[in-house]
PDB file of N, CA and C in Angstrom:
ATOM      1  N   MET A   1      45.937 -50.762 -27.310  1.00  0.00           N
ATOM      2  CA  MET A   1      44.640 -50.346 -26.212  1.00  0.00           C
ATOM      3  C   MET A   1      43.225 -50.354 -27.044  1.00  0.00           C
ATOM      4  N   ALA A   2      42.537 -50.334 -26.506  1.00  0.00           N
ATOM      5  CA  ALA A   2      40.391 -50.323 -26.487  1.00  0.00           C
ATOM      6  C   ALA A   2      40.161 -49.573 -26.473  1.00  0.00           C
ATOM      7  N   TYR A   3      39.630 -49.108 -27.325  1.00  0.00           N
ATOM      8  CA  TYR A   3      38.867 -47.251 -27.208  1.00  0.00           C
ATOM      9  C   TYR A   3      37.375 -48.255 -27.312  1.00  0.00           C
ATOM     10  N   ARG A   4      36.909 -46.959 -26.383  1.00  0.00           N
ATOM     11  CA  ARG A   4      35.658 -47.021 -26.409  1.00  0.00           C
ATOM     12  C   ARG A   4      34.683 -46.128 -27.103  1.00  0.00           C
ATOM     13  N   GLY A   5      33.636 -46.212 -28.005  1.00  0.00           N
ATOM     14  CA  GLY A   5      33.080 -45.497 -28.700  1.00  0.00           C
ATOM     15  C   GLY A   5      31.890 -44.550 -28.142  1.00  0.00           C
ATOM     16  N   LYS A   6      31.147 -43.958 -28.635  1.00  0.00           N
ATOM     17  CA  LYS A   6      29.231 -43.283 -27.834  1.00  0.00           C
ATOM     18  C   LYS A   6      28.984 -44.740 -28.140  1.00  0.00           C
ATOM     19  N   ASP A   7      27.641 -44.650 -27.475  1.00  0.00           N
ATOM     20  CA  ASP A   7      26.963 -46.427 -26.984  1.00  0.00           C
ATOM     21  C   ASP A   7      26.017 -45.350 -28.204  1.00  0.00           C
ATOM     22  N   LEU A   8      25.193 -45.875 -29.253  1.00  0.00           N
ATOM     23  CA  LEU A   8      24.762 -45.531 -30.153  1.00  0.00           C
ATOM     24  C   LEU A   8      22.911 -45.897 -29.988  1.00  0.00           C
ATOM     25  N   ALA A   9      23.267 -46.169 -28.792  1.00  0.00           N
ATOM     26  CA  ALA A   9      21.270 -47.238 -28.673  1.00  0.00           C
ATOM     27  C   ALA A   9      20.553 -46.004 -28.825  1.00  0.00           C
ATOM     28  N   GLY A  10      19.658 -46.233 -29.188  1.00  0.00           N
ATOM     29  CA  GLY A  10      18.362 -44.832 -29.411  1.00  0.00           C
ATOM     30  C   GLY A  10      18.978 -43.875 -29.781  1.00  0.00           C
ATOM     31  N   THR A  11      19.861 -44.058 -30.961  1.00  0.00           N
ATOM     32  CA  THR A  11      20.120 -43.486 -32.097  1.00  0.00           C
ATOM     33  C   THR A  11      19.806 -44.551 -33.524  1.00  0.00           C
ATOM     34  N   CYS A  12      19.877 -43.551 -34.739  1.00  0.00           N
ATOM     35  CA  CYS A  12      20.329 -44.075 -35.992  1.00  0.00           C
ATOM     36  C   CYS A  12      18.830 -45.166 -35.476  1.00  0.00           C
ATOM     37  N   GLY A  13      17.423 -45.010 -35.361  1.00  0.00           N
ATOM     38  CA  GLY A  13      16.020 -46.236 -35.512  1.00  0.00           C
ATOM     39  C   GLY A  13      17.644 -47.777 -34.186  1.00  0.00           C
ATOM     40  N   ILE A  14      18.205 -48.015 -33.760  1.00  0.00           N
ATOM     41  CA  ILE A  14      18.884 -48.337 -32.931  1.00  0.00           C
ATOM     42  C   ILE A  14      17.771 -48.666 -31.934  1.00  0.00           C
ATOM     43  N   PRO A  15      17.314 -49.892 -31.007  1.00  0.00           N
ATOM     44  CA  PRO A  15      17.059 -49.914 -29.988  1.00  0.00           C
ATOM     45  C   PRO A  15      17.943 -49.417 -28.741  1.00  0.00           C
ATOM     46  N   ARG A  16      16.816 -48.606 -27.878  1.00  0.00           N
ATOM     47  CA  ARG A  16      17.147 -48.419 -26.250  1.00  0.00           C
ATOM     48  C   ARG A  16      17.907 -50.423 -25.683  1.00  0.00           C
ATOM     49  N   HIS A  17      18.575 -50.065 -25.305  1.00  0.00           N
ATOM     50  CA  HIS A  17      19.204 -50.745 -24.011  1.00  0.00           C
ATOM     51  C   HIS A  17      17.557 -51.451 -23.392  1.00  0.00           C
ATOM     52  N   ASP A  18      16.673 -51.276 -22.836  1.00  0.00           N
ATOM     53  CA  ASP A  18      15.669 -51.362 -21.634  1.00  0.00           C
ATOM     54  C   ASP A  18      14.303 -51.645 -22.733  1.00  0.00           C
ATOM     55  N   GLU A  19      14.624 -51.376 -24.489  1.00  0.00           N
ATOM     56  CA  GLU A  19      13.778 -51.690 -25.328  1.00  0.00           C
ATOM     57  C   GLU A  19      14.352 -53.091 -25.993  1.00  0.00           C
ATOM     58  N   ARG A  20      15.538 -53.319 -25.871  1.00  0.00           N
ATOM     59  CA  ARG A  20      15.474 -55.167 -26.628  1.00  0.00           C
ATOM     60  C   ARG A  20      14.905 -55.949 -25.910  1.00  0.00           C
ATOM     61  N   THR A  21      15.412 -57.317 -26.620  1.00  0.00           N
ATOM     62  CA  THR A  21      15.093 -58.834 -26.571  1.00  0.00           C
ATOM     63  C   THR A  21      16.263 -59.388 -27.185  1.00  0.00           C
ATOM     64  N   TYR A  22      17.069 -59.808 -25.912  1.00  0.00           N
ATOM     65  CA  TYR A  22      18.329 -60.822 -27.186  1.00  0.00           C
ATOM     66  C   TYR A  22      17.823 -62.663 -27.094  1.00  0.00           C
ATOM     67  N   VAL A  23      18.414 -62.364 -28.090  1.00  0.00           N
ATOM     68  CA  VAL A  23      17.926 -64.211 -29.285  1.00  0.00           C
ATOM     69  C   VAL A  23      19.080 -64.128 -29.729  1.00  0.00           C
ATOM     70  N   ASP A  24      19.341 -65.994 -29.802  1.00  0.00           N
ATOM     71  CA  ASP A  24      19.462 -67.289 -30.266  1.00  0.00           C
ATOM     72  C   ASP A  24      20.088 -66.843 -31.836  1.00  0.00           C
ATOM     73  N   VAL A  25      21.346 -66.689 -32.407  1.00  0.00           N
ATOM     74  CA  VAL A  25      21.034 -67.241 -34.099  1.00  0.00           C
ATOM     75  C   VAL A  25      21.975 -67.712 -33.871  1.00  0.00           C
ATOM     76  N   GLU A  26      21.767 -69.395 -34.728  1.00  0.00           N
ATOM     77  CA  GLU A  26      22.019 -70.055 -35.643  1.00  0.00           C
ATOM     78  C   GLU A  26      22.839 -69.172 -36.714  1.00  0.00           C
ATOM     79  N   MET A  27      23.938 -69.215 -37.286  1.00  0.00           N
ATOM     80  CA  MET A  27      24.751 -68.939 -38.226  1.00  0.00           C
ATOM     81  C   MET A  27      25.151 -69.528 -39.369  1.00  0.00           C
ATOM     82  N   GLY A  28      24.785 -69.459 -40.500  1.00  0.00           N
ATOM     83  CA  GLY A  28      25.160 -70.447 -41.699  1.00  0.00           C
ATOM     84  C   GLY A  28      25.899 -69.851 -42.722  1.00  0.00           C
ATOM     85  N   GLY A  29      26.240 -70.628 -44.430  1.00  0.00           N
ATOM     86  CA  GLY A  29      26.912 -70.148 -44.666  1.00  0.00           C
ATOM     87  C   GLY A  29      27.923 -70.494 -44.765  1.00  0.00           C
ATOM     88  N   GLY A  30      29.325 -69.377 -45.028  1.00  0.00           N
ATOM     89  CA  GLY A  30      31.022 -69.618 -45.566  1.00  0.00           C
ATOM     90  C   GLY A  30      31.061 -71.203 -45.763  1.00  0.00           C
ATOM     91  N   GLU A  31      30.374 -71.326 -47.043  1.00  0.00           N
ATOM     92  CA  GLU A  31      31.153 -72.340 -47.298  1.00  0.00           C
ATOM     93  C   GLU A  31      31.005 -72.053 -49.663  1.00  0.00           C
ATOM     94  N   ASN A  32      32.566 -72.431 -49.986  1.00  0.00           N
ATOM     95  CA  ASN A  32      32.579 -71.832 -51.881  1.00  0.00           C
ATOM     96  C   ASN A  32      31.718 -70.482 -51.265  1.00  0.00           C
ATOM     97  N   GLY A  33      32.748 -69.786 -50.333  1.00  0.00           N
ATOM     98  CA  GLY A  33      32.573 -68.131 -50.482  1.00  0.00           C
ATOM     99  C   GLY A  33      31.614 -67.715 -50.263  1.00  0.00           C
ATOM    100  N   GLN A  34      30.194 -68.363 -50.079  1.00  0.00           N
ATOM    101  CA  GLN A  34      28.917 -67.919 -49.591  1.00  0.00           C
ATOM    102  C   GLN A  34      29.034 -66.890 -48.093  1.00  0.00           C
ATOM    103  N   ILE A  35      28.744 -65.896 -47.681  1.00  0.00           N
ATOM    104  CA  ILE A  35      28.416 -64.833 -46.954  1.00  0.00           C
ATOM    105  C   ILE A  35      27.891 -65.870 -45.760  1.00  0.00           C
ATOM    106  N   VAL A  36      28.635 -65.656 -44.728  1.00  0.00           N
ATOM    107  CA  VAL A  36      28.166 -65.832 -43.939  1.00  0.00           C
ATOM    108  C   VAL A  36      27.232 -64.804 -42.950  1.00  0.00           C
ATOM    109  N   ARG A  37      25.651 -66.037 -42.031  1.00  0.00           N
ATOM    110  CA  ARG A  37      24.535 -65.299 -42.561  1.00  0.00           C
ATOM    111  C   ARG A  37      23.349 -65.938 -41.384  1.00  0.00           C
ATOM    112  N   PRO A  38      22.528 -65.337 -40.919  1.00  0.00           N
ATOM    113  CA  PRO A  38      21.998 -65.821 -39.805  1.00  0.00           C
ATOM    114  C   PRO A  38      20.929 -66.238 -40.127  1.00  0.00           C
ATOM    115  N   VAL A  39      20.466 -67.960 -40.533  1.00  0.00           N
ATOM    116  CA  VAL A  39      18.953 -69.127 -41.100  1.00  0.00           C
ATOM    117  C   VAL A  39      18.310 -69.304 -39.754  1.00  0.00           C
ATOM    118  N   SER A  40      18.901 -68.761 -38.686  1.00  0.00           N
ATOM    119  CA  SER A  40      17.251 -69.496 -37.137  1.00  0.00           C
ATOM    120  C   SER A  40      17.917 -68.149 -36.524  1.00  0.00           C
ATOM    121  N   LEU A  41      16.303 -68.251 -35.549  1.00  0.00           N
ATOM    122  CA  LEU A  41      16.364 -67.378 -34.203  1.00  0.00           C
ATOM    123  C   LEU A  41      15.640 -68.191 -33.674  1.00  0.00           C
ATOM    124  N   THR A  42      16.160 -68.554 -32.075  1.00  0.00           N
ATOM    125  CA  THR A  42      15.495 -68.528 -30.922  1.00  0.00           C
ATOM    126  C   THR A  42      14.999 -68.331 -29.906  1.00  0.00           C
ATOM    127  N   TRP A  43      13.828 -67.833 -29.638  1.00  0.00           N
ATOM    128  CA  TRP A  43      13.125 -66.849 -28.354  1.00  0.00           C
ATOM    129  C   TRP A  43      13.636 -67.204 -26.647  1.00  0.00           C
ATOM    130  N   PRO A  44      13.801 -66.205 -26.217  1.00  0.00           N
ATOM    131  CA  PRO A  44      14.401 -66.644 -25.158  1.00  0.00           C
ATOM    132  C   PRO A  44      13.325 -67.551 -24.748  1.00  0.00           C
ATOM    133  N   ASP A  45      11.932 -68.096 -24.580  1.00  0.00           N
ATOM    134  CA  ASP A  45      11.055 -68.854 -24.607  1.00  0.00           C
ATOM    135  C   ASP A  45      11.330 -70.363 -24.595  1.00  0.00           C
ATOM    136  N   GLY A  46      12.561 -70.591 -26.323  1.00  0.00           N
ATOM    137  CA  GLY A  46      12.426 -71.450 -26.879  1.00  0.00           C
ATOM    138  C   GLY A  46      11.959 -71.639 -28.311  1.00  0.00           C
ATOM    139  N   ARG A  47      11.352 -70.387 -28.456  1.00  0.00           N
ATOM    140  CA  ARG A  47      10.018 -70.943 -29.810  1.00  0.00           C
ATOM    141  C   ARG A  47      11.465 -70.579 -30.740  1.00  0.00           C
ATOM    142  N   ARG A  48      11.531 -71.164 -32.153  1.00  0.00           N
ATOM    143  CA  ARG A  48      12.641 -70.972 -32.820  1.00  0.00           C
ATOM    144  C   ARG A  48      11.837 -71.119 -34.141  1.00  0.00           C
ATOM    145  N   TRP A  49      12.028 -70.142 -34.710  1.00  0.00           N
ATOM    146  CA  TRP A  49      12.029 -69.814 -36.273  1.00  0.00           C
ATOM    147  C   TRP A  49      12.801 -70.109 -37.196  1.00  0.00           C
ATOM    148  N   ARG A  50      13.202 -70.887 -38.071  1.00  0.00           N
ATOM    149  CA  ARG A  50      14.335 -70.736 -39.500  1.00  0.00           C
ATOM    150  C   ARG A  50      14.116 -69.708 -40.659  1.00  0.00           C
ATOM    151  N   LEU A  51      14.949 -68.374 -40.751  1.00  0.00           N
ATOM    152  CA  LEU A  51      14.616 -67.837 -41.360  1.00  0.00           C
ATOM    153  C   LEU A  51      14.933 -67.208 -43.247  1.00  0.00           C
ATOM    154  N   ALA A  52      14.285 -67.651 -43.509  1.00  0.00           N
ATOM    155  CA  ALA A  52      14.127 -67.923 -45.478  1.00  0.00           C
ATOM    156  C   ALA A  52      14.221 -66.803 -46.014  1.00  0.00           C
ATOM    157  N   SER A  53      15.010 -65.464 -45.060  1.00  0.00           N
ATOM    158  CA  SER A  53      16.198 -64.627 -45.863  1.00  0.00           C
ATOM    159  C   SER A  53      16.457 -63.888 -44.810  1.00  0.00           C
ATOM    160  N   ALA A  54      18.162 -63.525 -44.958  1.00  0.00           N
ATOM    161  CA  ALA A  54      18.887 -62.288 -44.117  1.00  0.00           C
ATOM    162  C   ALA A  54      20.283 -62.276 -44.844  1.00  0.00           C
ATOM    163  N   ARG A  55      19.480 -60.262 -44.402  1.00  0.00           N
ATOM    164  CA  ARG A  55      20.703 -59.614 -45.772  1.00  0.00           C
ATOM    165  C   ARG A  55      20.765 -57.816 -44.776  1.00  0.00           C
ATOM    166  N   PRO A  56      22.161 -58.477 -44.133  1.00  0.00           N
ATOM    167  CA  PRO A  56      23.080 -57.021 -44.202  1.00  0.00           C
ATOM    168  C   PRO A  56      22.497 -56.058 -44.499  1.00  0.00           C
ATOM    169  N   VAL A  57      21.839 -54.376 -43.789  1.00  0.00           N
ATOM    170  CA  VAL A  57      21.225 -53.383 -44.336  1.00  0.00           C
ATOM    171  C   VAL A  57      22.358 -52.290 -44.845  1.00  0.00           C
ATOM    172  N   ALA A  58      22.673 -51.800 -42.460  1.00  0.00           N
ATOM    173  CA  ALA A  58      23.275 -51.195 -42.528  1.00  0.00           C
ATOM    174  C   ALA A  58      24.276 -51.334 -41.155  1.00  0.00           C
ATOM    175  N   GLU A  59      25.337 -50.840 -41.412  1.00  0.00           N
ATOM    176  CA  GLU A  59      26.646 -50.676 -40.305  1.00  0.00           C
ATOM    177  C   GLU A  59      26.492 -48.940 -39.628  1.00  0.00           C
ATOM    178  N   TYR A  60      26.460 -49.435 -38.231  1.00  0.00           N
ATOM    179  CA  TYR A  60      26.281 -47.801 -37.790  1.00  0.00           C
ATOM    180  C   TYR A  60      28.068 -48.083 -36.497  1.00  0.00           C
ATOM    181  N   GLY A  61      28.300 -47.042 -36.095  1.00  0.00           N
ATOM    182  CA  GLY A  61      29.864 -46.843 -35.410  1.00  0.00           C
ATOM    183  C   GLY A  61      30.013 -47.533 -35.811  1.00  0.00           C
ATOM    184  N   ARG A  62      31.544 -47.723 -35.174  1.00  0.00           N
ATOM    185  CA  ARG A  62      33.061 -48.349 -35.920  1.00  0.00           C
ATOM    186  C   ARG A  62      33.877 -49.603 -35.257  1.00  0.00           C
ATOM    187  N   GLU A  63      33.479 -50.855 -35.424  1.00  0.00           N
ATOM    188  CA  GLU A  63      34.583 -51.830 -34.621  1.00  0.00           C
ATOM    189  C   GLU A  63      35.981 -50.860 -33.773  1.00  0.00           C
ATOM    190  N   VAL A  64      37.270 -50.423 -34.602  1.00  0.00           N
ATOM    191  CA  VAL A  64      37.540 -49.858 -33.294  1.00  0.00           C
ATOM    192  C   VAL A  64      37.401 -48.991 -32.546  1.00  0.00           C
ATOM    193  N   PHE A  65      36.050 -48.624 -32.316  1.00  0.00           N
ATOM    194  CA  PHE A  65      35.575 -48.176 -31.157  1.00  0.00           C
ATOM    195  C   PHE A  65      34.640 -48.804 -30.609  1.00  0.00           C
ATOM    196  N   GLY A  66      34.383 -49.463 -31.022  1.00  0.00           N
ATOM    197  CA  GLY A  66      33.737 -51.050 -29.686  1.00  0.00           C
ATOM    198  C   GLY A  66      32.773 -50.758 -29.798  1.00  0.00           C
ATOM    199  N   ASN A  67      32.043 -49.503 -31.202  1.00  0.00           N
ATOM    200  CA  ASN A  67      30.259 -49.923 -30.694  1.00  0.00           C
ATOM    201  C   ASN A  67      29.578 -49.834 -32.427  1.00  0.00           C
ATOM    202  N   LEU A  68      30.270 -50.517 -32.734  1.00  0.00           N
ATOM    203  CA  LEU A  68      30.102 -51.533 -34.537  1.00  0.00           C
ATOM    204  C   LEU A  68      28.660 -52.048 -33.525  1.00  0.00           C
ATOM    205  N   VAL A  69      27.342 -51.824 -34.553  1.00  0.00           N
ATOM    206  CA  VAL A  69      26.011 -51.900 -34.729  1.00  0.00           C
ATOM    207  C   VAL A  69      25.407 -52.053 -36.064  1.00  0.00           C
ATOM    208  N   THR A  70      24.824 -54.205 -36.316  1.00  0.00           N
ATOM    209  CA  THR A  70      24.759 -54.057 -37.740  1.00  0.00           C
ATOM    210  C   THR A  70      23.381 -54.687 -37.852  1.00  0.00           C
ATOM    211  N   ARG A  71      22.845 -54.011 -39.144  1.00  0.00           N
ATOM    212  CA  ARG A  71      21.102 -53.423 -38.484  1.00  0.00           C
ATOM    213  C   ARG A  71      21.135 -54.736 -39.891  1.00  0.00           C
ATOM    214  N   TRP A  72      20.328 -56.267 -39.707  1.00  0.00           N
ATOM    215  CA  TRP A  72      20.035 -57.219 -41.284  1.00  0.00           C
ATOM    216  C   TRP A  72      18.181 -56.869 -40.919  1.00  0.00           C
ATOM    217  N   GLU A  73      17.774 -56.982 -41.855  1.00  0.00           N
ATOM    218  CA  GLU A  73      16.603 -57.044 -42.915  1.00  0.00           C
ATOM    219  C   GLU A  73      16.444 -58.887 -42.746  1.00  0.00           C
ATOM    220  N   ILE A  74      15.596 -59.287 -42.102  1.00  0.00           N
ATOM    221  CA  ILE A  74      15.315 -60.529 -42.052  1.00  0.00           C
ATOM    222  C   ILE A  74      13.340 -60.851 -42.557  1.00  0.00           C
ATOM    223  N   THR A  75      13.593 -62.313 -43.005  1.00  0.00           N
ATOM    224  CA  THR A  75      12.180 -63.293 -42.965  1.00  0.00           C
ATOM    225  C   THR A  75      11.890 -64.409 -42.507  1.00  0.00           C
ATOM    226  N   ILE A  76      10.861 -64.050 -41.537  1.00  0.00           N
ATOM    227  CA  ILE A  76      10.884 -65.329 -41.472  1.00  0.00           C
ATOM    228  C   ILE A  76       8.874 -65.542 -41.624  1.00  0.00           C
ATOM    229  N   GLY A  77       8.770 -66.403 -42.426  1.00  0.00           N
ATOM    230  CA  GLY A  77       7.345 -66.784 -43.580  1.00  0.00           C
ATOM    231  C   GLY A  77       7.354 -65.900 -44.181  1.00  0.00           C
ATOM    232  N   ARG A  78       6.086 -65.135 -44.730  1.00  0.00           N
ATOM    233  CA  ARG A  78       6.385 -63.446 -45.139  1.00  0.00           C
ATOM    234  C   ARG A  78       6.592 -62.372 -44.288  1.00  0.00           C
ATOM    235  N   ALA A  79       6.905 -62.261 -43.241  1.00  0.00           N
ATOM    236  CA  ALA A  79       7.135 -61.056 -42.606  1.00  0.00           C
ATOM    237  C   ALA A  79       8.581 -61.311 -42.254  1.00  0.00           C
ATOM    238  N   THR A  80       8.638 -59.500 -43.258  1.00  0.00           N
ATOM    239  CA  THR A  80      10.393 -58.694 -42.370  1.00  0.00           C
ATOM    240  C   THR A  80      10.437 -57.623 -41.563  1.00  0.00           C
ATOM    241  N   LYS A  81      11.480 -58.451 -41.015  1.00  0.00           N
ATOM    242  CA  LYS A  81      11.881 -57.962 -39.932  1.00  0.00           C
ATOM    243  C   LYS A  81      13.325 -57.475 -39.047  1.00  0.00           C
ATOM    244  N   VAL A  82      13.651 -56.089 -38.207  1.00  0.00           N
ATOM    245  CA  VAL A  82      14.991 -56.593 -38.419  1.00  0.00           C
ATOM    246  C   VAL A  82      15.776 -56.923 -37.221  1.00  0.00           C
ATOM    247  N   LEU A  83      16.637 -57.577 -37.341  1.00  0.00           N
ATOM    248  CA  LEU A  83      17.357 -58.242 -36.180  1.00  0.00           C
ATOM    249  C   LEU A  83      18.932 -56.988 -36.001  1.00  0.00           C
ATOM    250  N   TRP A  84      19.114 -57.165 -34.988  1.00  0.00           N
ATOM    251  CA  TRP A  84      20.550 -56.403 -34.982  1.00  0.00           C
ATOM    252  C   TRP A  84      21.513 -57.535 -34.182  1.00  0.00           C
ATOM    253  N   HIS A  85      22.778 -56.797 -34.137  1.00  0.00           N
ATOM    254  CA  HIS A  85      23.887 -57.599 -33.436  1.00  0.00           C
ATOM    255  C   HIS A  85      24.901 -56.490 -33.031  1.00  0.00           C
ATOM    256  N   ASP A  86      24.838 -56.394 -32.079  1.00  0.00           N
ATOM    257  CA  ASP A  86      26.326 -55.127 -31.843  1.00  0.00           C
ATOM    258  C   ASP A  86      27.002 -56.280 -30.598  1.00  0.00           C
ATOM    259  N   ARG A  87      28.454 -55.379 -30.065  1.00  0.00           N
ATOM    260  CA  ARG A  87      29.323 -56.591 -29.478  1.00  0.00           C
ATOM    261  C   ARG A  87      28.453 -57.175 -28.177  1.00  0.00           C
ATOM    262  N   ASP A  88      27.250 -57.137 -27.737  1.00  0.00           N
ATOM    263  CA  ASP A  88      26.641 -57.679 -26.954  1.00  0.00           C
ATOM    264  C   ASP A  88      25.858 -59.281 -27.579  1.00  0.00           C
ATOM    265  N   GLY A  89      25.429 -59.055 -28.410  1.00  0.00           N
ATOM    266  CA  GLY A  89      25.033 -59.718 -29.123  1.00  0.00           C
ATOM    267  C   GLY A  89      23.164 -59.830 -30.231  1.00  0.00           C
ATOM    268  N   TRP A  90      22.884 -61.124 -30.350  1.00  0.00           N
ATOM    269  CA  TRP A  90      21.859 -60.047 -31.526  1.00  0.00           C
ATOM    270  C   TRP A  90      20.738 -60.035 -30.210  1.00  0.00           C
ATOM    271  N   PHE A  91      19.992 -59.137 -31.318  1.00  0.00           N
ATOM    272  CA  PHE A  91      18.638 -58.606 -30.190  1.00  0.00           C
ATOM    273  C   PHE A  91      17.628 -57.687 -31.258  1.00  0.00           C
ATOM    274  N   VAL A  92      16.571 -58.112 -30.667  1.00  0.00           N
ATOM    275  CA  VAL A  92      15.569 -57.954 -31.670  1.00  0.00           C
ATOM    276  C   VAL A  92      14.780 -56.040 -30.902  1.00  0.00           C
ATOM    277  N   LYS A  93      13.550 -55.398 -31.267  1.00  0.00           N
ATOM    278  CA  LYS A  93      13.087 -54.814 -30.637  1.00  0.00           C
ATOM    279  C   LYS A  93      11.792 -55.459 -29.648  1.00  0.00           C
ATOM    280  N   ALA A  94      11.837 -55.218 -29.053  1.00  0.00           N
ATOM    281  CA  ALA A  94      10.378 -55.876 -28.310  1.00  0.00           C
ATOM    282  C   ALA A  94       9.558 -55.146 -28.112  1.00  0.00           C
ATOM    283  N   LYS A  95       8.612 -55.957 -28.463  1.00  0.00           N
ATOM    284  CA  LYS A  95       7.255 -55.571 -28.326  1.00  0.00           C
ATOM    285  C   LYS A  95       6.663 -54.913 -27.331  1.00  0.00           C
ATOM    286  N   THR A  96       6.222 -53.379 -27.234  1.00  0.00           N
ATOM    287  CA  THR A  96       5.109 -53.048 -26.270  1.00  0.00           C
ATOM    288  C   THR A  96       3.989 -52.850 -25.747  1.00  0.00           C
ATOM    289  N   ASN A  97       4.009 -53.298 -24.803  1.00  0.00           N
ATOM    290  CA  ASN A  97       2.172 -53.818 -24.561  1.00  0.00           C
ATOM    291  C   ASN A  97       1.234 -52.880 -24.810  1.00  0.00           C
ATOM    292  N   ARG A  98       0.494 -52.579 -25.628  1.00  0.00           N
ATOM    293  CA  ARG A  98      -0.299 -51.451 -25.752  1.00  0.00           C
ATOM    294  C   ARG A  98      -1.906 -51.599 -24.383  1.00  0.00           C
ATOM    295  N   PRO A  99      -2.133 -50.023 -24.050  1.00  0.00           N
ATOM    296  CA  PRO A  99      -3.415 -50.437 -24.260  1.00  0.00           C
ATOM    297  C   PRO A  99      -4.132 -50.709 -24.568  1.00  0.00           C
ATOM    298  N   THR A 100      -4.972 -51.928 -24.007  1.00  0.00           N
ATOM    299  CA  THR A 100      -6.348 -50.859 -25.066  1.00  0.00           C
ATOM    300  C   THR A 100      -7.877 -50.392 -24.481  1.00  0.00           C
TER     301      THR A 100
END
């Protein structure tokens, strides 16, 4: 039986669905006991960045309920960013256009 828990979008700092930009993530590690983690991400327009570091910071929800969301802290160059993962894939909070 598949359980369906409460959608956590918009809670706990998790971006709402309309605030998300989905990205492709290349995973690395897993050899010699290493933890599998993101090593690069590719933006929808094809731009690609290697990650200097990536670490899981928090998990929200439960896998058994189908609403598990993991928050990763990543470093690209000197900038620290947040990367999210849920059952739909990897995403970042979309930048909003601020009026000038």
